[in-house]
N, C-alpha and C. Protein backbone atom coordinates (compact mmCIF):
# COMPACT_ATOMS: atom_id res chain seq x y z
N MET A 1 118.89 110.94 75.34
CA MET A 1 118.34 110.92 76.98
C MET A 1 118.39 112.77 77.31
N LEU A 2 116.95 113.04 77.98
CA LEU A 2 117.39 114.68 78.20
C LEU A 2 117.21 114.83 79.89
N ASP A 3 118.11 115.57 80.30
CA ASP A 3 118.32 115.63 81.90
C ASP A 3 117.66 117.24 82.07
N ILE A 4 116.66 116.75 82.47
CA ILE A 4 115.66 118.27 82.75
C ILE A 4 116.50 119.17 84.16
N GLY A 5 116.84 120.23 83.88
CA GLY A 5 117.21 120.73 85.15
C GLY A 5 118.86 120.33 85.36
N CYS A 6 119.81 120.26 84.58
CA CYS A 6 120.89 119.76 84.19
C CYS A 6 121.91 120.39 85.34
N GLY A 7 122.21 121.33 85.41
CA GLY A 7 122.79 122.22 86.74
C GLY A 7 124.47 122.06 85.86
N THR A 8 125.43 121.62 86.57
CA THR A 8 126.41 121.50 86.41
C THR A 8 126.97 120.25 85.27
N GLY A 9 125.83 119.83 85.14
CA GLY A 9 126.41 118.37 84.25
C GLY A 9 126.89 117.50 84.64
N ARG A 10 126.76 117.02 85.79
CA ARG A 10 127.32 115.76 86.60
C ARG A 10 126.98 114.51 85.84
N LEU A 11 125.30 114.11 85.62
CA LEU A 11 124.89 113.28 84.76
C LEU A 11 125.19 113.06 83.58
N GLU A 12 125.69 114.12 83.04
CA GLU A 12 126.05 113.99 81.51
C GLU A 12 127.52 113.35 81.62
N ALA A 13 128.53 114.25 82.56
CA ALA A 13 129.85 113.60 82.62
C ALA A 13 129.72 111.99 83.12
N ALA A 14 128.81 111.65 83.67
CA ALA A 14 128.84 110.17 84.38
C ALA A 14 128.19 109.37 82.97
N LEU A 15 127.75 109.69 81.97
CA LEU A 15 127.25 109.00 81.03
C LEU A 15 128.04 109.21 79.56
N ALA A 16 128.91 109.94 79.85
CA ALA A 16 129.71 110.28 78.66
C ALA A 16 130.12 108.82 77.94
N GLY A 17 130.03 108.66 76.62
CA GLY A 17 130.45 107.50 76.12
C GLY A 17 129.28 106.59 75.89
N ARG A 18 128.10 106.53 76.98
CA ARG A 18 127.05 105.69 77.07
C ARG A 18 125.50 105.64 76.72
N ALA A 19 125.48 107.38 76.34
CA ALA A 19 124.20 107.56 75.73
C ALA A 19 124.47 109.26 75.21
N ARG A 20 123.67 109.27 74.17
CA ARG A 20 123.57 110.56 73.68
C ARG A 20 122.61 111.41 74.49
N VAL A 21 123.32 112.21 75.29
CA VAL A 21 122.58 113.18 76.35
C VAL A 21 122.34 114.65 75.92
N TRP A 22 121.36 115.21 76.14
CA TRP A 22 121.01 116.39 76.10
C TRP A 22 120.85 117.15 77.62
N GLY A 23 121.35 118.07 77.97
CA GLY A 23 120.89 118.89 79.17
C GLY A 23 120.12 120.16 78.80
N VAL A 24 119.53 120.48 79.91
CA VAL A 24 118.52 121.92 79.95
C VAL A 24 118.56 122.43 80.86
N ASP A 25 118.90 123.54 80.93
CA ASP A 25 119.00 124.60 82.50
C ASP A 25 118.51 125.91 81.89
N ALA A 26 117.76 126.40 83.18
CA ALA A 26 117.34 127.87 83.18
C ALA A 26 118.63 128.90 83.52
N GLU A 27 119.37 128.20 83.89
CA GLU A 27 120.73 129.37 84.53
C GLU A 27 121.81 129.13 83.51
N PRO A 28 122.25 130.19 82.80
CA PRO A 28 123.53 130.49 81.95
C PRO A 28 124.43 129.98 82.69
N ALA A 29 124.84 130.23 83.84
CA ALA A 29 126.15 130.21 84.27
C ALA A 29 126.06 128.74 84.64
N MET A 30 125.26 128.09 84.87
CA MET A 30 125.05 126.34 85.38
C MET A 30 125.44 125.82 84.02
N LEU A 31 125.04 126.20 82.94
CA LEU A 31 125.44 125.81 81.65
C LEU A 31 126.66 125.96 80.98
N ASP A 32 127.36 127.00 81.41
CA ASP A 32 128.93 127.09 81.15
C ASP A 32 129.62 126.08 81.90
N VAL A 33 129.35 125.98 83.14
CA VAL A 33 130.18 124.98 83.78
C VAL A 33 129.73 123.52 83.51
N ALA A 34 128.60 123.30 82.86
CA ALA A 34 128.19 121.81 82.46
C ALA A 34 129.28 121.93 81.20
N ARG A 35 129.22 122.72 79.96
CA ARG A 35 129.71 122.44 78.83
C ARG A 35 131.09 122.09 79.03
N ARG A 36 132.01 122.40 80.25
CA ARG A 36 133.55 122.34 80.64
C ARG A 36 133.45 121.05 81.25
N ASN A 37 132.27 120.85 81.97
CA ASN A 37 132.46 119.29 82.87
C ASN A 37 132.08 118.04 81.91
N ALA A 38 131.35 118.34 80.70
CA ALA A 38 130.55 117.32 79.97
C ALA A 38 130.49 117.63 78.43
N PRO A 39 132.12 117.98 77.77
CA PRO A 39 131.92 118.53 76.34
C PRO A 39 131.46 117.59 75.35
N ASP A 40 131.02 116.45 75.64
CA ASP A 40 130.42 115.49 74.51
C ASP A 40 129.22 115.82 74.84
N ALA A 41 128.68 116.18 75.68
CA ALA A 41 127.05 116.29 75.64
C ALA A 41 126.53 117.78 74.84
N THR A 42 125.01 117.88 74.95
CA THR A 42 124.82 119.15 74.31
C THR A 42 123.61 119.80 75.33
N PHE A 43 123.95 120.96 75.15
CA PHE A 43 123.14 121.64 76.22
C PHE A 43 122.59 123.06 75.58
N LYS A 44 121.06 122.87 76.37
CA LYS A 44 120.50 124.18 75.51
C LYS A 44 120.12 124.89 76.81
N HIS A 45 119.77 126.45 76.70
CA HIS A 45 119.05 127.56 77.58
C HIS A 45 117.75 127.11 77.46
N GLY A 46 117.17 126.95 78.74
CA GLY A 46 115.30 126.68 78.40
C GLY A 46 114.69 126.47 79.88
N ARG A 47 113.85 126.34 80.22
CA ARG A 47 112.89 125.87 81.42
C ARG A 47 112.11 124.80 81.39
N ALA A 48 112.15 124.12 82.29
CA ALA A 48 111.44 122.92 82.42
C ALA A 48 109.93 123.05 81.84
N GLU A 49 109.64 124.27 82.29
CA GLU A 49 107.75 124.45 82.14
C GLU A 49 107.48 124.62 80.43
N GLN A 50 109.19 125.06 79.73
CA GLN A 50 108.86 125.23 78.34
C GLN A 50 110.16 124.83 77.79
N LEU A 51 110.05 123.12 77.46
CA LEU A 51 111.19 122.94 76.82
C LEU A 51 111.45 123.18 75.44
N PRO A 52 112.69 123.36 75.04
CA PRO A 52 113.11 123.98 73.67
C PRO A 52 113.25 122.93 72.60
N PHE A 53 112.34 121.81 72.61
CA PHE A 53 112.52 120.45 72.00
C PHE A 53 111.22 120.34 71.32
N LYS A 54 111.47 119.28 70.25
CA LYS A 54 110.15 118.92 69.57
C LYS A 54 109.27 117.75 70.01
N ASP A 55 108.11 117.57 69.79
CA ASP A 55 107.28 116.79 70.25
C ASP A 55 108.10 115.21 70.23
N GLY A 56 107.79 114.17 71.17
CA GLY A 56 108.47 112.95 71.08
C GLY A 56 109.90 112.82 70.69
N TRP A 57 110.64 113.66 70.86
CA TRP A 57 112.10 113.64 70.49
C TRP A 57 113.12 112.77 71.16
N PHE A 58 112.71 112.53 72.50
CA PHE A 58 113.29 111.87 73.67
C PHE A 58 112.97 110.37 73.62
N GLU A 59 113.95 109.26 74.20
CA GLU A 59 113.53 108.09 74.57
C GLU A 59 113.42 108.06 76.17
N ARG A 60 114.65 108.84 76.81
CA ARG A 60 114.58 109.02 78.34
C ARG A 60 114.52 110.30 78.75
N ALA A 61 113.99 110.83 80.13
CA ALA A 61 114.10 111.91 80.43
C ALA A 61 114.36 111.96 82.04
N VAL A 62 115.06 113.01 82.51
CA VAL A 62 115.66 112.69 84.26
C VAL A 62 115.25 114.06 84.78
N MET A 63 114.79 113.73 86.00
CA MET A 63 114.98 115.09 86.73
C MET A 63 115.61 114.57 88.10
N TRP A 64 116.96 115.27 88.28
CA TRP A 64 117.63 114.77 89.50
C TRP A 64 117.82 115.92 90.46
N LEU A 65 117.07 115.56 91.24
CA LEU A 65 117.05 116.83 92.50
C LEU A 65 116.88 118.32 91.48
N SER A 66 115.59 118.41 90.83
CA SER A 66 115.32 119.59 90.15
C SER A 66 113.71 119.72 90.12
N ALA A 67 112.95 118.49 90.66
CA ALA A 67 111.64 118.68 90.37
C ALA A 67 110.97 119.83 91.18
N HIS A 68 111.68 119.68 92.54
CA HIS A 68 111.19 120.81 93.46
C HIS A 68 111.29 122.48 93.18
N LEU A 69 112.29 122.72 92.31
CA LEU A 69 112.33 123.95 91.88
C LEU A 69 111.32 124.36 90.69
N PHE A 70 110.53 123.69 89.88
CA PHE A 70 109.72 123.85 88.89
C PHE A 70 108.44 124.10 89.24
N ASP A 71 107.48 124.37 88.31
CA ASP A 71 105.93 124.40 88.58
C ASP A 71 105.78 122.96 87.99
N ARG A 72 105.75 121.83 88.69
CA ARG A 72 105.68 120.39 88.54
C ARG A 72 104.82 120.09 87.41
N GLN A 73 103.37 120.76 87.52
CA GLN A 73 102.15 120.43 86.64
C GLN A 73 102.77 120.51 85.38
N LYS A 74 103.49 121.86 85.09
CA LYS A 74 103.86 122.19 83.78
C LYS A 74 105.05 121.27 83.42
N ALA A 75 105.97 121.41 84.27
CA ALA A 75 107.24 120.63 83.86
C ALA A 75 106.89 119.14 83.48
N PHE A 76 106.16 118.25 84.28
CA PHE A 76 105.92 117.30 83.77
C PHE A 76 105.19 116.71 82.78
N ALA A 77 104.14 117.85 82.45
CA ALA A 77 103.60 117.58 81.32
C ALA A 77 104.19 118.07 79.75
N GLU A 78 105.58 118.91 79.96
CA GLU A 78 106.62 119.25 79.33
C GLU A 78 107.42 117.87 78.97
N ALA A 79 107.67 117.19 80.22
CA ALA A 79 108.48 116.03 79.86
C ALA A 79 107.77 114.94 78.95
N ARG A 80 106.36 114.74 79.20
CA ARG A 80 105.85 113.72 78.69
C ARG A 80 105.62 113.99 77.03
N ARG A 81 105.39 115.37 76.61
CA ARG A 81 105.45 115.94 75.62
C ARG A 81 106.58 115.60 74.64
N VAL A 82 107.83 115.68 75.08
CA VAL A 82 109.13 115.64 74.64
C VAL A 82 109.45 113.92 74.55
N LEU A 83 108.90 113.26 75.24
CA LEU A 83 109.04 111.66 75.32
C LEU A 83 108.42 110.78 73.96
N GLY A 84 109.03 110.10 73.74
CA GLY A 84 108.44 109.14 72.29
C GLY A 84 107.36 108.41 73.13
N ARG A 85 106.32 107.74 72.60
CA ARG A 85 105.26 106.75 72.55
C ARG A 85 105.91 105.88 73.82
N GLU A 86 107.06 105.33 73.82
CA GLU A 86 107.72 104.73 74.94
C GLU A 86 108.71 105.00 75.75
N GLY A 87 108.56 106.34 75.92
CA GLY A 87 109.74 107.15 76.84
C GLY A 87 109.35 106.86 78.28
N ARG A 88 110.27 107.18 78.70
CA ARG A 88 110.15 106.77 80.32
C ARG A 88 110.90 107.88 81.05
N LEU A 89 110.53 108.84 82.31
CA LEU A 89 110.78 109.81 82.99
C LEU A 89 111.26 109.16 84.47
N ALA A 90 112.40 109.34 84.87
CA ALA A 90 112.80 109.11 85.80
C ALA A 90 112.87 110.51 86.85
N VAL A 91 112.32 110.44 87.98
CA VAL A 91 112.32 111.76 88.93
C VAL A 91 113.03 111.20 90.16
N VAL A 92 114.02 111.99 90.46
CA VAL A 92 114.97 111.65 91.69
C VAL A 92 114.95 112.76 92.68
N THR A 93 114.54 112.50 93.73
CA THR A 93 114.23 113.35 94.82
C THR A 93 114.34 113.11 96.06
N PHE A 94 114.16 113.95 97.23
CA PHE A 94 114.29 113.42 98.69
C PHE A 94 113.05 113.26 99.14
N ASP A 95 112.70 112.14 99.63
CA ASP A 95 111.47 111.76 100.50
C ASP A 95 111.48 112.59 101.76
N PRO A 96 110.10 112.80 102.01
CA PRO A 96 110.13 114.04 103.09
C PRO A 96 110.74 113.66 104.51
N SER A 97 110.91 112.15 104.64
CA SER A 97 111.41 111.93 106.03
C SER A 97 113.00 112.20 106.04
N TYR A 98 113.76 112.71 105.03
CA TYR A 98 114.76 113.08 104.79
C TYR A 98 115.10 114.52 105.80
N PHE A 99 113.78 115.03 105.81
CA PHE A 99 113.74 116.20 106.39
C PHE A 99 113.75 116.19 108.05
N ASP A 100 113.24 114.95 108.56
CA ASP A 100 113.20 114.69 109.92
C ASP A 100 114.57 115.08 110.52
N ALA A 101 115.47 114.32 110.20
CA ALA A 101 116.86 114.60 110.73
C ALA A 101 117.67 115.61 109.85
N PHE A 102 117.43 116.28 109.08
CA PHE A 102 118.56 116.74 108.17
C PHE A 102 119.46 117.36 108.97
N TRP A 103 121.07 117.49 108.66
CA TRP A 103 122.01 118.05 109.81
C TRP A 103 121.88 119.66 109.68
N LEU A 104 121.35 119.98 108.58
CA LEU A 104 121.06 121.64 108.84
C LEU A 104 120.05 122.19 109.48
N ASN A 105 119.02 121.38 109.96
CA ASN A 105 117.86 121.91 110.51
C ASN A 105 118.27 122.68 111.86
N THR A 106 118.90 122.28 112.52
CA THR A 106 119.34 123.02 114.10
C THR A 106 120.05 124.10 113.93
N LEU A 107 120.96 124.15 112.83
CA LEU A 107 121.81 125.31 112.60
C LEU A 107 120.76 126.53 111.72
N PHE A 108 119.66 126.08 111.08
CA PHE A 108 118.71 127.45 110.38
C PHE A 108 117.37 126.61 110.76
N PRO A 109 116.87 127.04 111.63
CA PRO A 109 115.59 126.39 111.93
C PRO A 109 114.31 126.41 110.98
N SER A 110 114.01 127.44 110.04
CA SER A 110 113.07 127.63 109.16
C SER A 110 113.39 126.84 108.02
N MET A 111 114.54 126.14 107.61
CA MET A 111 114.83 125.15 106.59
C MET A 111 113.78 123.95 106.26
N GLU A 112 113.54 123.60 107.34
CA GLU A 112 112.53 122.33 107.62
C GLU A 112 111.27 122.58 107.06
N CYS A 113 110.76 123.67 107.35
CA CYS A 113 109.38 124.12 106.93
C CYS A 113 109.38 124.40 105.61
N ALA A 114 110.31 125.33 105.19
CA ALA A 114 110.90 125.95 103.72
C ALA A 114 110.88 124.33 102.78
N ASP A 115 111.65 123.49 103.47
CA ASP A 115 111.97 122.02 102.38
C ASP A 115 110.60 121.48 102.47
N ARG A 116 110.01 120.93 103.22
CA ARG A 116 108.90 120.41 103.31
C ARG A 116 107.60 120.92 102.16
N ALA A 117 107.67 122.19 102.20
CA ALA A 117 106.73 122.71 101.55
C ALA A 117 106.94 122.63 99.94
N ARG A 118 108.10 122.34 99.63
CA ARG A 118 108.66 122.23 98.06
C ARG A 118 108.93 120.95 97.46
N PHE A 119 109.01 119.90 98.67
CA PHE A 119 109.18 118.45 98.00
C PHE A 119 107.91 117.77 97.96
N SER A 120 107.30 116.91 97.14
CA SER A 120 106.28 116.23 97.01
C SER A 120 106.35 114.94 98.00
N THR A 121 105.37 114.61 98.55
CA THR A 121 105.17 113.12 99.00
C THR A 121 105.24 112.26 97.91
N ALA A 122 105.34 110.72 98.37
CA ALA A 122 105.12 109.83 97.22
C ALA A 122 103.79 109.76 96.64
N ALA A 123 102.87 110.04 97.60
CA ALA A 123 101.42 110.13 96.91
C ALA A 123 101.04 111.26 96.07
N GLU A 124 101.80 112.60 96.38
CA GLU A 124 101.58 113.56 95.78
C GLU A 124 102.29 113.39 94.24
N LEU A 125 103.65 113.14 94.53
CA LEU A 125 104.28 112.82 93.29
C LEU A 125 103.52 111.76 92.00
N GLU A 126 103.28 110.96 92.51
CA GLU A 126 102.73 109.89 91.73
C GLU A 126 101.46 110.42 91.17
N GLY A 127 100.47 111.43 92.07
CA GLY A 127 99.44 112.11 91.43
C GLY A 127 99.83 112.89 90.55
N GLU A 128 100.70 113.90 90.67
CA GLU A 128 101.28 114.78 89.69
C GLU A 128 101.87 114.20 88.38
N LEU A 129 102.55 113.12 88.47
CA LEU A 129 102.80 112.29 87.09
C LEU A 129 101.80 111.70 86.32
N ARG A 130 100.87 111.26 86.83
CA ARG A 130 99.53 110.75 86.41
C ARG A 130 99.07 111.93 85.71
N ALA A 131 98.52 113.16 86.37
CA ALA A 131 97.88 114.10 85.93
C ALA A 131 98.50 114.51 84.25
N ALA A 132 99.77 114.50 84.78
CA ALA A 132 100.83 114.98 83.38
C ALA A 132 100.56 114.08 82.40
N GLY A 133 100.13 112.69 82.34
CA GLY A 133 99.72 112.00 81.20
C GLY A 133 100.57 110.91 81.24
N PHE A 134 101.11 110.80 82.33
CA PHE A 134 101.95 109.41 82.46
C PHE A 134 100.92 108.31 83.09
N ALA A 135 101.15 107.00 82.27
CA ALA A 135 99.98 106.10 82.85
C ALA A 135 100.43 105.25 83.81
N TYR A 136 101.81 105.17 84.02
CA TYR A 136 102.16 103.97 84.77
C TYR A 136 103.51 104.71 85.81
N VAL A 137 103.21 104.66 86.95
CA VAL A 137 104.34 105.38 87.59
C VAL A 137 104.54 104.08 88.92
N GLU A 138 106.00 104.09 88.99
CA GLU A 138 106.47 103.21 89.82
C GLU A 138 107.28 103.74 90.91
N LEU A 139 107.20 103.75 92.34
CA LEU A 139 108.11 104.48 93.19
C LEU A 139 108.96 103.51 93.74
N ALA A 140 110.04 103.77 94.51
CA ALA A 140 110.97 103.43 95.29
C ALA A 140 111.30 104.28 96.36
N ASN A 141 112.11 103.76 97.35
CA ASN A 141 112.87 104.24 98.32
C ASN A 141 114.17 103.88 98.30
N LEU A 142 115.05 104.74 98.43
CA LEU A 142 116.52 104.67 98.76
C LEU A 142 116.97 104.95 99.86
N SER A 143 118.04 104.46 100.68
CA SER A 143 118.63 105.19 101.88
C SER A 143 120.03 104.91 101.76
N GLN A 144 120.63 105.94 102.10
CA GLN A 144 121.98 106.16 101.76
C GLN A 144 122.62 106.81 103.27
N ARG A 145 124.06 106.43 103.31
CA ARG A 145 124.44 107.03 104.89
C ARG A 145 125.68 107.89 103.92
N GLY A 146 126.09 108.91 104.70
CA GLY A 146 126.99 109.83 104.22
C GLY A 146 127.68 110.37 105.08
N ALA A 147 129.01 111.43 105.10
CA ALA A 147 129.62 111.60 106.17
C ALA A 147 130.27 113.53 105.61
N HIS A 148 130.05 113.88 106.50
CA HIS A 148 131.14 115.45 106.46
C HIS A 148 132.20 115.42 107.37
N THR A 149 133.33 115.98 106.98
CA THR A 149 134.23 116.56 108.04
C THR A 149 133.71 117.87 108.42
N ARG A 150 134.22 118.60 109.33
CA ARG A 150 133.83 120.03 109.65
C ARG A 150 134.10 120.97 108.57
N ALA A 151 135.41 120.61 108.17
CA ALA A 151 136.01 121.35 107.02
C ALA A 151 134.74 121.45 105.78
N GLU A 152 134.40 120.04 105.11
CA GLU A 152 133.49 120.18 104.33
C GLU A 152 132.22 120.68 104.47
N ALA A 153 131.78 120.44 105.38
CA ALA A 153 130.53 121.28 105.74
C ALA A 153 130.49 122.51 105.76
N LEU A 154 131.38 123.40 106.46
CA LEU A 154 131.66 124.70 106.88
C LEU A 154 131.61 125.08 105.09
N GLU A 155 132.48 124.58 104.17
CA GLU A 155 132.40 124.95 102.82
C GLU A 155 131.34 125.14 102.46
N ARG A 156 130.31 123.98 102.56
CA ARG A 156 129.19 123.88 101.69
C ARG A 156 128.20 124.96 102.38
N ILE A 157 128.24 125.30 103.76
CA ILE A 157 127.59 126.31 103.86
C ILE A 157 127.77 127.82 103.86
N ARG A 158 129.06 127.92 103.48
CA ARG A 158 129.55 129.25 103.18
C ARG A 158 129.36 129.41 101.86
N GLY A 159 129.13 128.31 100.67
CA GLY A 159 128.57 128.25 99.49
C GLY A 159 127.45 128.56 99.33
N ARG A 160 126.67 128.16 100.37
CA ARG A 160 125.11 128.17 100.02
C ARG A 160 124.78 127.15 99.26
N HIS A 161 125.27 126.00 99.38
CA HIS A 161 125.21 124.99 98.41
C HIS A 161 123.85 124.42 97.81
N ILE A 162 122.97 125.01 98.55
CA ILE A 162 121.49 124.25 98.28
C ILE A 162 120.54 125.25 98.32
N SER A 163 119.65 125.33 97.37
CA SER A 163 118.83 126.46 97.06
C SER A 163 118.05 126.81 98.26
N THR A 164 117.85 125.99 99.14
CA THR A 164 117.03 126.51 100.50
C THR A 164 117.66 127.66 101.26
N PHE A 165 118.79 127.82 101.14
CA PHE A 165 119.56 129.07 101.58
C PHE A 165 119.11 130.29 100.98
N ASP A 166 118.37 130.26 99.64
CA ASP A 166 118.10 131.65 99.04
C ASP A 166 116.65 131.86 99.76
N LEU A 167 115.91 130.79 100.45
CA LEU A 167 114.59 131.12 101.23
C LEU A 167 114.44 131.41 102.72
N ILE A 168 115.99 131.50 103.21
CA ILE A 168 115.80 131.92 104.81
C ILE A 168 116.58 133.38 104.91
N SER A 169 116.44 133.89 105.63
CA SER A 169 116.67 135.56 105.86
C SER A 169 118.63 135.40 106.34
N GLN A 170 118.95 136.80 105.61
CA GLN A 170 120.28 136.88 105.92
C GLN A 170 120.70 136.50 107.27
N GLU A 171 119.63 137.14 108.32
CA GLU A 171 120.01 137.18 109.64
C GLU A 171 120.49 135.73 110.46
N GLU A 172 119.28 134.80 109.80
CA GLU A 172 119.21 133.28 110.06
C GLU A 172 120.64 132.73 109.36
N TYR A 173 120.92 133.12 108.44
CA TYR A 173 122.09 132.67 107.97
C TYR A 173 123.29 132.95 108.53
N GLU A 174 123.47 134.11 108.77
CA GLU A 174 124.66 134.31 109.52
C GLU A 174 124.95 133.61 111.04
N ALA A 175 123.52 133.99 111.50
CA ALA A 175 123.44 133.53 113.22
C ALA A 175 123.87 131.74 112.94
N GLY A 176 123.12 131.13 111.60
CA GLY A 176 123.46 129.40 111.61
C GLY A 176 124.85 129.33 111.28
N LEU A 177 125.75 130.23 110.47
CA LEU A 177 126.88 129.98 109.99
C LEU A 177 127.89 129.81 111.47
N ALA A 178 127.63 131.20 112.17
CA ALA A 178 128.44 131.21 113.37
C ALA A 178 127.96 130.05 114.43
N ARG A 179 126.99 129.63 114.37
CA ARG A 179 126.61 128.50 115.14
C ARG A 179 127.59 127.31 114.65
N ALA A 180 127.44 126.76 113.48
CA ALA A 180 127.98 126.08 112.60
C ALA A 180 129.87 126.04 113.33
N GLU A 181 130.18 127.14 113.05
CA GLU A 181 131.92 127.41 112.87
C GLU A 181 132.36 127.22 114.81
N GLN A 182 131.32 127.23 115.27
CA GLN A 182 131.64 126.87 116.87
C GLN A 182 131.15 125.59 117.26
N GLU A 183 130.36 125.06 116.60
CA GLU A 183 129.18 123.72 117.28
C GLU A 183 129.62 122.24 116.57
N LEU A 184 130.21 122.41 115.19
CA LEU A 184 130.32 121.40 114.50
C LEU A 184 131.33 120.45 114.86
N PRO A 185 131.19 119.08 114.86
CA PRO A 185 132.22 118.28 115.29
C PRO A 185 133.14 118.17 114.00
N GLU A 186 134.43 117.45 114.40
CA GLU A 186 135.48 117.14 113.35
C GLU A 186 134.78 116.26 112.31
N CYS A 187 134.11 115.37 112.63
CA CYS A 187 133.34 114.31 111.57
C CYS A 187 131.93 114.33 111.92
N PHE A 188 130.91 114.02 110.99
CA PHE A 188 129.79 113.34 111.32
C PHE A 188 129.14 112.73 110.41
N GLU A 189 128.24 111.71 110.59
CA GLU A 189 127.36 111.27 109.69
C GLU A 189 126.07 111.75 109.68
N TYR A 190 125.30 111.11 108.35
CA TYR A 190 123.67 111.52 108.02
C TYR A 190 123.52 110.30 107.14
N ARG A 191 122.01 110.75 106.92
CA ARG A 191 121.27 109.70 106.01
C ARG A 191 120.86 110.55 105.23
N VAL A 192 120.64 110.27 104.02
CA VAL A 192 120.06 110.80 102.99
C VAL A 192 118.85 109.75 102.47
N GLU A 193 117.88 110.07 102.47
CA GLU A 193 116.50 109.39 102.12
C GLU A 193 115.75 109.80 100.66
N TRP A 194 115.88 109.14 99.64
CA TRP A 194 115.65 109.45 98.50
C TRP A 194 114.49 109.01 98.12
N LEU A 195 113.57 109.52 97.15
CA LEU A 195 112.36 108.77 96.61
C LEU A 195 112.66 109.16 95.17
N ILE A 196 112.40 108.00 94.17
CA ILE A 196 112.58 107.76 93.16
C ILE A 196 111.05 107.41 92.36
N ALA A 197 110.90 107.98 91.25
CA ALA A 197 109.82 107.89 90.61
C ALA A 197 109.88 107.45 89.14
N VAL A 198 109.54 106.34 88.52
CA VAL A 198 109.69 106.09 87.17
C VAL A 198 108.70 105.99 86.37
N ALA A 199 108.35 107.13 85.67
CA ALA A 199 106.79 106.84 85.03
C ALA A 199 106.76 106.74 83.55
N ASP A 200 106.06 106.17 82.97
CA ASP A 200 105.99 105.79 81.05
C ASP A 200 104.80 105.61 81.09
N GLY A 201 104.41 105.50 79.71
CA GLY A 201 102.91 104.92 79.28
C GLY A 201 102.04 106.52 78.97
């Protein structure tokens, strides 16, 4: 199995002993962490748009919260190339409805627009996968509940835990952090709306 955009290797660690997993990421610092987190997996430096693997080498591939970071047309075509004839790709991303009430929106007003521009709708995702050469695409939605304490939420904001923080100004970040320090409750719940695509053929 190939994990495209593997980040810190969480999927590799979860599958330890159950599958032979390769991870690929364009960030060397991420790969350093991944190798420590999942020593049994194999990691390579590379971009999703130009995977450093032979044609048809994998049975399965996964993009978990990474497809919005890539040129999807090229990355999906590369995933199709490195998968065997019966290979299958799973893309796990946020459904656009997630951004309707994302808990960071009120603190950082430009985040919602930035995220909606990067994440595909279900119809767009299906079309992108079919254009990349996948004959069959199955879509599913999953809704989950989560909760943060105030301390957890502040730690995430201070660590700029999602890539969208790179797309807002420093002034907006500082203002939003100041509001969070003053306004966040001790504990709050939120929902996560997932969009999952499984493509093969």
